[in-house]
């Protein structure tokens, strides 16, 4: 696993690392990902993804979507090719 670096050092398979991610990926094994099978229970309760998004919009952005993200088709960084 020389291509995975933590603070510039290769991942050590003998070490324990703390990760963060969505409930879908970590607990639900989203799209068949099984890298987290057998991991211990999370240290903190999960906030549902949608609830975290709602909280961010209401508390951090005060219900205002910044102009950078207001265009529902995005900022042009991703192009859909038919």
PDB file of N, CA and C in Angstrom:
ATOM      1  N   UNK A   1       0.823  -1.198   0.000  1.00  0.00           N
ATOM      2  CA  UNK A   1       0.000   0.000   0.000  1.00  0.00           C
ATOM      3  C   UNK A   1       0.864   1.256   0.000  1.00  0.00           C
ATOM      4  N   UNK A   2       1.887   1.264  -0.791  1.00  0.00           N
ATOM      5  CA  UNK A   2       2.791   2.393  -0.848  1.00  0.00           C
ATOM      6  C   UNK A   2       2.131   3.637  -1.442  1.00  0.00           C
ATOM      7  N   UNK A   3       0.999   3.477  -2.119  1.00  0.00           N
ATOM      8  CA  UNK A   3       0.340   4.621  -2.741  1.00  0.00           C
ATOM      9  C   UNK A   3      -0.593   5.337  -1.775  1.00  0.00           C
ATOM     10  N   UNK A   4      -0.824   4.772  -0.587  1.00  0.00           N
ATOM     11  CA  UNK A   4      -1.639   5.435   0.432  1.00  0.00           C
ATOM     12  C   UNK A   4      -0.690   6.057   1.442  1.00  0.00           C
ATOM     13  N   UNK A   5      -0.762   7.385   1.599  1.00  0.00           N
ATOM     14  CA  UNK A   5       0.134   8.083   2.509  1.00  0.00           C
ATOM     15  C   UNK A   5      -0.648   8.778   3.616  1.00  0.00           C
ATOM     16  N   UNK A   6      -0.138   8.694   4.827  1.00  0.00           N
ATOM     17  CA  UNK A   6      -0.675   9.411   5.985  1.00  0.00           C
ATOM     18  C   UNK A   6       0.449  10.326   6.461  1.00  0.00           C
ATOM     19  N   UNK A   7       0.229  11.631   6.369  1.00  0.00           N
ATOM     20  CA  UNK A   7       1.270  12.608   6.718  1.00  0.00           C
ATOM     21  C   UNK A   7       2.584  12.311   5.982  1.00  0.00           C
ATOM     22  N   UNK A   8       2.475  11.915   4.729  1.00  0.00           N
ATOM     23  CA  UNK A   8       3.649  11.668   3.907  1.00  0.00           C
ATOM     24  C   UNK A   8       4.291  10.302   4.100  1.00  0.00           C
ATOM     25  N   UNK A   9       3.760   9.491   5.001  1.00  0.00           N
ATOM     26  CA  UNK A   9       4.307   8.166   5.271  1.00  0.00           C
ATOM     27  C   UNK A   9       3.369   7.095   4.730  1.00  0.00           C
ATOM     28  N   UNK A  10       3.907   5.978   4.234  1.00  0.00           N
ATOM     29  CA  UNK A  10       3.046   4.896   3.745  1.00  0.00           C
ATOM     30  C   UNK A  10       2.139   4.349   4.839  1.00  0.00           C
ATOM     31  N   UNK A  11       0.972   3.932   4.456  1.00  0.00           N
ATOM     32  CA  UNK A  11       0.020   3.323   5.374  1.00  0.00           C
ATOM     33  C   UNK A  11       0.654   2.101   6.031  1.00  0.00           C
ATOM     34  N   UNK A  12       0.529   1.993   7.341  1.00  0.00           N
ATOM     35  CA  UNK A  12       1.088   0.868   8.088  1.00  0.00           C
ATOM     36  C   UNK A  12      -0.030  -0.123   8.386  1.00  0.00           C
ATOM     37  N   UNK A  13       0.001  -1.313   7.785  1.00  0.00           N
ATOM     38  CA  UNK A  13      -1.082  -2.277   7.990  1.00  0.00           C
ATOM     39  C   UNK A  13      -1.185  -2.780   9.431  1.00  0.00           C
ATOM     40  N   UNK A  14      -0.172  -2.538  10.248  1.00  0.00           N
ATOM     41  CA  UNK A  14      -0.205  -2.974  11.646  1.00  0.00           C
ATOM     42  C   UNK A  14      -0.806  -1.924  12.576  1.00  0.00           C
ATOM     43  N   UNK A  15      -1.014  -0.723  12.073  1.00  0.00           N
ATOM     44  CA  UNK A  15      -1.562   0.372  12.883  1.00  0.00           C
ATOM     45  C   UNK A  15      -3.069   0.439  12.788  1.00  0.00           C
ATOM     46  N   UNK A  16      -3.681   1.081  13.765  1.00  0.00           N
ATOM     47  CA  UNK A  16      -5.115   1.353  13.745  1.00  0.00           C
ATOM     48  C   UNK A  16      -5.305   2.828  13.416  1.00  0.00           C
ATOM     49  N   UNK A  17      -6.174   3.105  12.444  1.00  0.00           N
ATOM     50  CA  UNK A  17      -6.440   4.473  12.030  1.00  0.00           C
ATOM     51  C   UNK A  17      -7.898   4.818  12.305  1.00  0.00           C
ATOM     52  N   UNK A  18      -8.152   6.075  12.544  1.00  0.00           N
ATOM     53  CA  UNK A  18      -9.514   6.573  12.703  1.00  0.00           C
ATOM     54  C   UNK A  18      -9.930   7.191  11.379  1.00  0.00           C
ATOM     55  N   UNK A  19     -11.119   6.848  10.915  1.00  0.00           N
ATOM     56  CA  UNK A  19     -11.624   7.400   9.660  1.00  0.00           C
ATOM     57  C   UNK A  19     -12.985   8.025   9.893  1.00  0.00           C
ATOM     58  N   UNK A  20     -13.366   8.853   8.969  1.00  0.00           N
ATOM     59  CA  UNK A  20     -14.674   9.464   8.990  1.00  0.00           C
ATOM     60  C   UNK A  20     -15.282   9.277   7.609  1.00  0.00           C
ATOM     61  N   UNK A  21     -16.567   9.128   7.564  1.00  0.00           N
ATOM     62  CA  UNK A  21     -17.227   8.950   6.275  1.00  0.00           C
ATOM     63  C   UNK A  21     -18.722   8.941   6.447  1.00  0.00           C
ATOM     64  N   UNK A  22     -19.411   8.704   5.375  1.00  0.00           N
ATOM     65  CA  UNK A  22     -20.867   8.685   5.423  1.00  0.00           C
ATOM     66  C   UNK A  22     -21.368   7.367   5.996  1.00  0.00           C
ATOM     67  N   UNK A  23     -22.532   7.409   6.589  1.00  0.00           N
ATOM     68  CA  UNK A  23     -23.161   6.204   7.119  1.00  0.00           C
ATOM     69  C   UNK A  23     -23.354   5.185   6.003  1.00  0.00           C
ATOM     70  N   UNK A  24     -23.706   5.681   4.836  1.00  0.00           N
ATOM     71  CA  UNK A  24     -23.915   4.827   3.669  1.00  0.00           C
ATOM     72  C   UNK A  24     -22.680   3.995   3.365  1.00  0.00           C
ATOM     73  N   UNK A  25     -21.524   4.605   3.414  1.00  0.00           N
ATOM     74  CA  UNK A  25     -20.288   3.900   3.085  1.00  0.00           C
ATOM     75  C   UNK A  25     -19.777   3.070   4.259  1.00  0.00           C
ATOM     76  N   UNK A  26     -19.717   3.666   5.455  1.00  0.00           N
ATOM     77  CA  UNK A  26     -19.091   2.992   6.581  1.00  0.00           C
ATOM     78  C   UNK A  26     -19.942   1.886   7.190  1.00  0.00           C
ATOM     79  N   UNK A  27     -21.231   2.103   7.314  1.00  0.00           N
ATOM     80  CA  UNK A  27     -22.089   1.096   7.938  1.00  0.00           C
ATOM     81  C   UNK A  27     -22.919   0.317   6.943  1.00  0.00           C
ATOM     82  N   UNK A  28     -23.281   0.955   5.842  1.00  0.00           N
ATOM     83  CA  UNK A  28     -24.131   0.296   4.869  1.00  0.00           C
ATOM     84  C   UNK A  28     -23.374  -0.362   3.738  1.00  0.00           C
ATOM     85  N   UNK A  29     -22.045  -0.205   3.736  1.00  0.00           N
ATOM     86  CA  UNK A  29     -21.199  -0.768   2.687  1.00  0.00           C
ATOM     87  C   UNK A  29     -21.717  -0.363   1.313  1.00  0.00           C
ATOM     88  N   UNK A  30     -21.911   0.941   1.138  1.00  0.00           N
ATOM     89  CA  UNK A  30     -22.432   1.493  -0.097  1.00  0.00           C
ATOM     90  C   UNK A  30     -21.804   0.934  -1.347  1.00  0.00           C
ATOM     91  N   UNK A  31     -22.634   0.554  -2.264  1.00  0.00           N
ATOM     92  CA  UNK A  31     -22.216   0.031  -3.571  1.00  0.00           C
ATOM     93  C   UNK A  31     -21.260  -1.155  -3.461  1.00  0.00           C
ATOM     94  N   UNK A  32     -21.403  -1.937  -2.402  1.00  0.00           N
ATOM     95  CA  UNK A  32     -20.604  -3.148  -2.262  1.00  0.00           C
ATOM     96  C   UNK A  32     -19.231  -2.956  -1.658  1.00  0.00           C
ATOM     97  N   UNK A  33     -18.886  -1.743  -1.219  1.00  0.00           N
ATOM     98  CA  UNK A  33     -17.580  -1.529  -0.593  1.00  0.00           C
ATOM     99  C   UNK A  33     -17.534  -2.302   0.725  1.00  0.00           C
ATOM    100  N   UNK A  34     -16.521  -3.106   0.902  1.00  0.00           N
ATOM    101  CA  UNK A  34     -16.436  -3.918   2.114  1.00  0.00           C
ATOM    102  C   UNK A  34     -15.153  -3.654   2.899  1.00  0.00           C
ATOM    103  N   UNK A  35     -14.464  -2.577   2.595  1.00  0.00           N
ATOM    104  CA  UNK A  35     -13.195  -2.280   3.273  1.00  0.00           C
ATOM    105  C   UNK A  35     -13.374  -2.104   4.774  1.00  0.00           C
ATOM    106  N   UNK A  36     -14.585  -1.756   5.205  1.00  0.00           N
ATOM    107  CA  UNK A  36     -14.805  -1.493   6.621  1.00  0.00           C
ATOM    108  C   UNK A  36     -15.510  -2.641   7.331  1.00  0.00           C
ATOM    109  N   UNK A  37     -15.621  -3.781   6.691  1.00  0.00           N
ATOM    110  CA  UNK A  37     -16.188  -4.962   7.351  1.00  0.00           C
ATOM    111  C   UNK A  37     -15.357  -5.301   8.581  1.00  0.00           C
ATOM    112  N   UNK A  38     -16.027  -5.630   9.654  1.00  0.00           N
ATOM    113  CA  UNK A  38     -15.333  -6.051  10.860  1.00  0.00           C
ATOM    114  C   UNK A  38     -14.803  -4.926  11.713  1.00  0.00           C
ATOM    115  N   UNK A  39     -15.017  -3.696  11.314  1.00  0.00           N
ATOM    116  CA  UNK A  39     -14.556  -2.572  12.130  1.00  0.00           C
ATOM    117  C   UNK A  39     -15.434  -2.461  13.363  1.00  0.00           C
ATOM    118  N   UNK A  40     -14.856  -1.933  14.416  1.00  0.00           N
ATOM    119  CA  UNK A  40     -15.625  -1.779  15.648  1.00  0.00           C
ATOM    120  C   UNK A  40     -16.670  -0.682  15.492  1.00  0.00           C
ATOM    121  N   UNK A  41     -17.588  -0.664  16.430  1.00  0.00           N
ATOM    122  CA  UNK A  41     -18.653   0.342  16.396  1.00  0.00           C
ATOM    123  C   UNK A  41     -18.059   1.739  16.455  1.00  0.00           C
ATOM    124  N   UNK A  42     -18.734   2.705  15.839  1.00  0.00           N
ATOM    125  CA  UNK A  42     -18.219   4.073  15.833  1.00  0.00           C
ATOM    126  C   UNK A  42     -18.157   4.682  17.229  1.00  0.00           C
ATOM    127  N   UNK A  43     -17.195   5.573  17.415  1.00  0.00           N
ATOM    128  CA  UNK A  43     -17.031   6.236  18.705  1.00  0.00           C
ATOM    129  C   UNK A  43     -18.140   7.253  18.962  1.00  0.00           C
ATOM    130  N   UNK A  44     -18.758   7.745  17.899  1.00  0.00           N
ATOM    131  CA  UNK A  44     -19.801   8.756  18.026  1.00  0.00           C
ATOM    132  C   UNK A  44     -21.037   8.288  17.276  1.00  0.00           C
ATOM    133  N   UNK A  45     -22.184   8.757  17.713  1.00  0.00           N
ATOM    134  CA  UNK A  45     -23.405   8.457  16.981  1.00  0.00           C
ATOM    135  C   UNK A  45     -23.341   9.097  15.607  1.00  0.00           C
ATOM    136  N   UNK A  46     -23.909   8.422  14.662  1.00  0.00           N
ATOM    137  CA  UNK A  46     -23.960   8.964  13.310  1.00  0.00           C
ATOM    138  C   UNK A  46     -25.116   9.938  13.193  1.00  0.00           C
ATOM    139  N   UNK A  47     -24.878  11.011  12.496  1.00  0.00           N
ATOM    140  CA  UNK A  47     -25.939  11.905  12.077  1.00  0.00           C
ATOM    141  C   UNK A  47     -26.278  11.467  10.664  1.00  0.00           C
ATOM    142  N   UNK A  48     -27.535  11.304  10.396  1.00  0.00           N
ATOM    143  CA  UNK A  48     -27.927  10.936   9.037  1.00  0.00           C
ATOM    144  C   UNK A  48     -27.372  11.983   8.079  1.00  0.00           C
ATOM    145  N   UNK A  49     -26.977  11.526   6.902  1.00  0.00           N
ATOM    146  CA  UNK A  49     -26.367  12.416   5.921  1.00  0.00           C
ATOM    147  C   UNK A  49     -27.253  13.613   5.611  1.00  0.00           C
ATOM    148  N   UNK A  50     -28.529  13.349   5.395  1.00  0.00           N
ATOM    149  CA  UNK A  50     -29.454  14.435   5.065  1.00  0.00           C
ATOM    150  C   UNK A  50     -29.577  15.410   6.234  1.00  0.00           C
ATOM    151  N   UNK A  51     -29.587  14.887   7.468  1.00  0.00           N
ATOM    152  CA  UNK A  51     -29.686  15.754   8.642  1.00  0.00           C
ATOM    153  C   UNK A  51     -28.438  16.630   8.775  1.00  0.00           C
ATOM    154  N   UNK A  52     -27.285  16.088   8.500  1.00  0.00           N
ATOM    155  CA  UNK A  52     -26.050  16.880   8.553  1.00  0.00           C
ATOM    156  C   UNK A  52     -26.089  17.994   7.512  1.00  0.00           C
ATOM    157  N   UNK A  53     -26.602  17.693   6.332  1.00  0.00           N
ATOM    158  CA  UNK A  53     -26.711  18.692   5.273  1.00  0.00           C
ATOM    159  C   UNK A  53     -27.688  19.800   5.671  1.00  0.00           C
ATOM    160  N   UNK A  54     -28.829  19.415   6.217  1.00  0.00           N
ATOM    161  CA  UNK A  54     -29.821  20.399   6.666  1.00  0.00           C
ATOM    162  C   UNK A  54     -29.227  21.289   7.755  1.00  0.00           C
ATOM    163  N   UNK A  55     -28.527  20.680   8.705  1.00  0.00           N
ATOM    164  CA  UNK A  55     -27.909  21.452   9.790  1.00  0.00           C
ATOM    165  C   UNK A  55     -26.884  22.431   9.223  1.00  0.00           C
ATOM    166  N   UNK A  56     -26.075  21.985   8.264  1.00  0.00           N
ATOM    167  CA  UNK A  56     -25.078  22.864   7.651  1.00  0.00           C
ATOM    168  C   UNK A  56     -25.755  24.042   6.951  1.00  0.00           C
ATOM    169  N   UNK A  57     -26.790  23.737   6.166  1.00  0.00           N
ATOM    170  CA  UNK A  57     -27.494  24.814   5.460  1.00  0.00           C
ATOM    171  C   UNK A  57     -28.110  25.817   6.424  1.00  0.00           C
ATOM    172  N   UNK A  58     -28.728  25.326   7.475  1.00  0.00           N
ATOM    173  CA  UNK A  58     -29.444  26.232   8.375  1.00  0.00           C
ATOM    174  C   UNK A  58     -28.515  26.943   9.352  1.00  0.00           C
ATOM    175  N   UNK A  59     -27.541  26.248   9.923  1.00  0.00           N
ATOM    176  CA  UNK A  59     -26.701  26.857  10.955  1.00  0.00           C
ATOM    177  C   UNK A  59     -25.473  27.570  10.402  1.00  0.00           C
ATOM    178  N   UNK A  60     -24.824  26.970   9.435  1.00  0.00           N
ATOM    179  CA  UNK A  60     -23.593  27.567   8.908  1.00  0.00           C
ATOM    180  C   UNK A  60     -23.870  28.590   7.810  1.00  0.00           C
ATOM    181  N   UNK A  61     -24.817  28.277   6.943  1.00  0.00           N
ATOM    182  CA  UNK A  61     -25.111  29.169   5.817  1.00  0.00           C
ATOM    183  C   UNK A  61     -26.333  30.040   6.067  1.00  0.00           C
ATOM    184  N   UNK A  62     -26.989  29.842   7.203  1.00  0.00           N
ATOM    185  CA  UNK A  62     -28.176  30.624   7.576  1.00  0.00           C
ATOM    186  C   UNK A  62     -29.235  30.608   6.485  1.00  0.00           C
ATOM    187  N   UNK A  63     -29.365  29.464   5.825  1.00  0.00           N
ATOM    188  CA  UNK A  63     -30.396  29.284   4.813  1.00  0.00           C
ATOM    189  C   UNK A  63     -30.086  29.908   3.464  1.00  0.00           C
ATOM    190  N   UNK A  64     -28.918  30.494   3.331  1.00  0.00           N
ATOM    191  CA  UNK A  64     -28.535  31.151   2.072  1.00  0.00           C
ATOM    192  C   UNK A  64     -27.544  30.289   1.310  1.00  0.00           C
ATOM    193  N   UNK A  65     -27.847  29.973   0.062  1.00  0.00           N
ATOM    194  CA  UNK A  65     -26.925  29.230  -0.776  1.00  0.00           C
ATOM    195  C   UNK A  65     -25.975  30.234  -1.420  1.00  0.00           C
ATOM    196  N   UNK A  66     -24.647  30.077  -1.217  1.00  0.00           N
ATOM    197  CA  UNK A  66     -23.702  31.030  -1.820  1.00  0.00           C
ATOM    198  C   UNK A  66     -23.837  31.054  -3.342  1.00  0.00           C
ATOM    199  N   UNK A  67     -23.552  32.192  -3.924  1.00  0.00           N
ATOM    200  CA  UNK A  67     -23.673  32.356  -5.369  1.00  0.00           C
ATOM    201  C   UNK A  67     -22.859  31.311  -6.124  1.00  0.00           C
ATOM    202  N   UNK A  68     -21.722  30.893  -5.550  1.00  0.00           N
ATOM    203  CA  UNK A  68     -20.882  29.877  -6.198  1.00  0.00           C
ATOM    204  C   UNK A  68     -21.641  28.572  -6.437  1.00  0.00           C
ATOM    205  N   UNK A  69     -22.651  28.294  -5.607  1.00  0.00           N
ATOM    206  CA  UNK A  69     -23.385  27.033  -5.691  1.00  0.00           C
ATOM    207  C   UNK A  69     -24.842  27.206  -6.089  1.00  0.00           C
ATOM    208  N   UNK A  70     -25.238  28.406  -6.417  1.00  0.00           N
ATOM    209  CA  UNK A  70     -26.648  28.677  -6.702  1.00  0.00           C
ATOM    210  C   UNK A  70     -27.125  28.080  -8.026  1.00  0.00           C
ATOM    211  N   UNK A  71     -26.231  27.947  -8.989  1.00  0.00           N
ATOM    212  CA  UNK A  71     -26.605  27.386 -10.285  1.00  0.00           C
ATOM    213  C   UNK A  71     -26.771  25.885 -10.146  1.00  0.00           C
ATOM    214  N   UNK A  72     -27.993  25.396 -10.307  1.00  0.00           N
ATOM    215  CA  UNK A  72     -28.253  23.966 -10.099  1.00  0.00           C
ATOM    216  C   UNK A  72     -27.508  23.071 -11.085  1.00  0.00           C
ATOM    217  N   UNK A  73     -26.989  23.637 -12.149  1.00  0.00           N
ATOM    218  CA  UNK A  73     -26.226  22.856 -13.120  1.00  0.00           C
ATOM    219  C   UNK A  73     -24.721  22.891 -12.837  1.00  0.00           C
ATOM    220  N   UNK A  74     -24.353  23.536 -11.741  1.00  0.00           N
ATOM    221  CA  UNK A  74     -22.954  23.558 -11.328  1.00  0.00           C
ATOM    222  C   UNK A  74     -22.179  24.728 -11.884  1.00  0.00           C
ATOM    223  N   UNK A  75     -20.899  24.699 -11.597  1.00  0.00           N
ATOM    224  CA  UNK A  75     -20.031  25.813 -11.982  1.00  0.00           C
ATOM    225  C   UNK A  75     -19.267  25.543 -13.264  1.00  0.00           C
ATOM    226  N   UNK A  76     -19.618  24.463 -13.955  1.00  0.00           N
ATOM    227  CA  UNK A  76     -18.965  24.146 -15.222  1.00  0.00           C
ATOM    228  C   UNK A  76     -17.756  23.248 -15.080  1.00  0.00           C
ATOM    229  N   UNK A  77     -17.436  22.827 -13.855  1.00  0.00           N
ATOM    230  CA  UNK A  77     -16.267  21.955 -13.659  1.00  0.00           C
ATOM    231  C   UNK A  77     -16.538  20.544 -14.154  1.00  0.00           C
ATOM    232  N   UNK A  78     -17.806  20.128 -14.158  1.00  0.00           N
ATOM    233  CA  UNK A  78     -18.173  18.787 -14.614  1.00  0.00           C
ATOM    234  C   UNK A  78     -19.048  18.934 -15.853  1.00  0.00           C
ATOM    235  N   UNK A  79     -18.695  18.220 -16.898  1.00  0.00           N
ATOM    236  CA  UNK A  79     -19.451  18.296 -18.131  1.00  0.00           C
ATOM    237  C   UNK A  79     -20.095  16.932 -18.412  1.00  0.00           C
ATOM    238  N   UNK A  80     -21.374  16.940 -18.704  1.00  0.00           N
ATOM    239  CA  UNK A  80     -22.086  15.714 -19.065  1.00  0.00           C
ATOM    240  C   UNK A  80     -21.997  15.563 -20.572  1.00  0.00           C
ATOM    241  N   UNK A  81     -21.438  14.453 -21.007  1.00  0.00           N
ATOM    242  CA  UNK A  81     -21.275  14.182 -22.426  1.00  0.00           C
ATOM    243  C   UNK A  81     -22.287  13.097 -22.818  1.00  0.00           C
ATOM    244  N   UNK A  82     -23.164  13.413 -23.780  1.00  0.00           N
ATOM    245  CA  UNK A  82     -24.180  12.410 -24.166  1.00  0.00           C
ATOM    246  C   UNK A  82     -23.571  11.226 -24.879  1.00  0.00           C
TER     247      UNK A  82
END
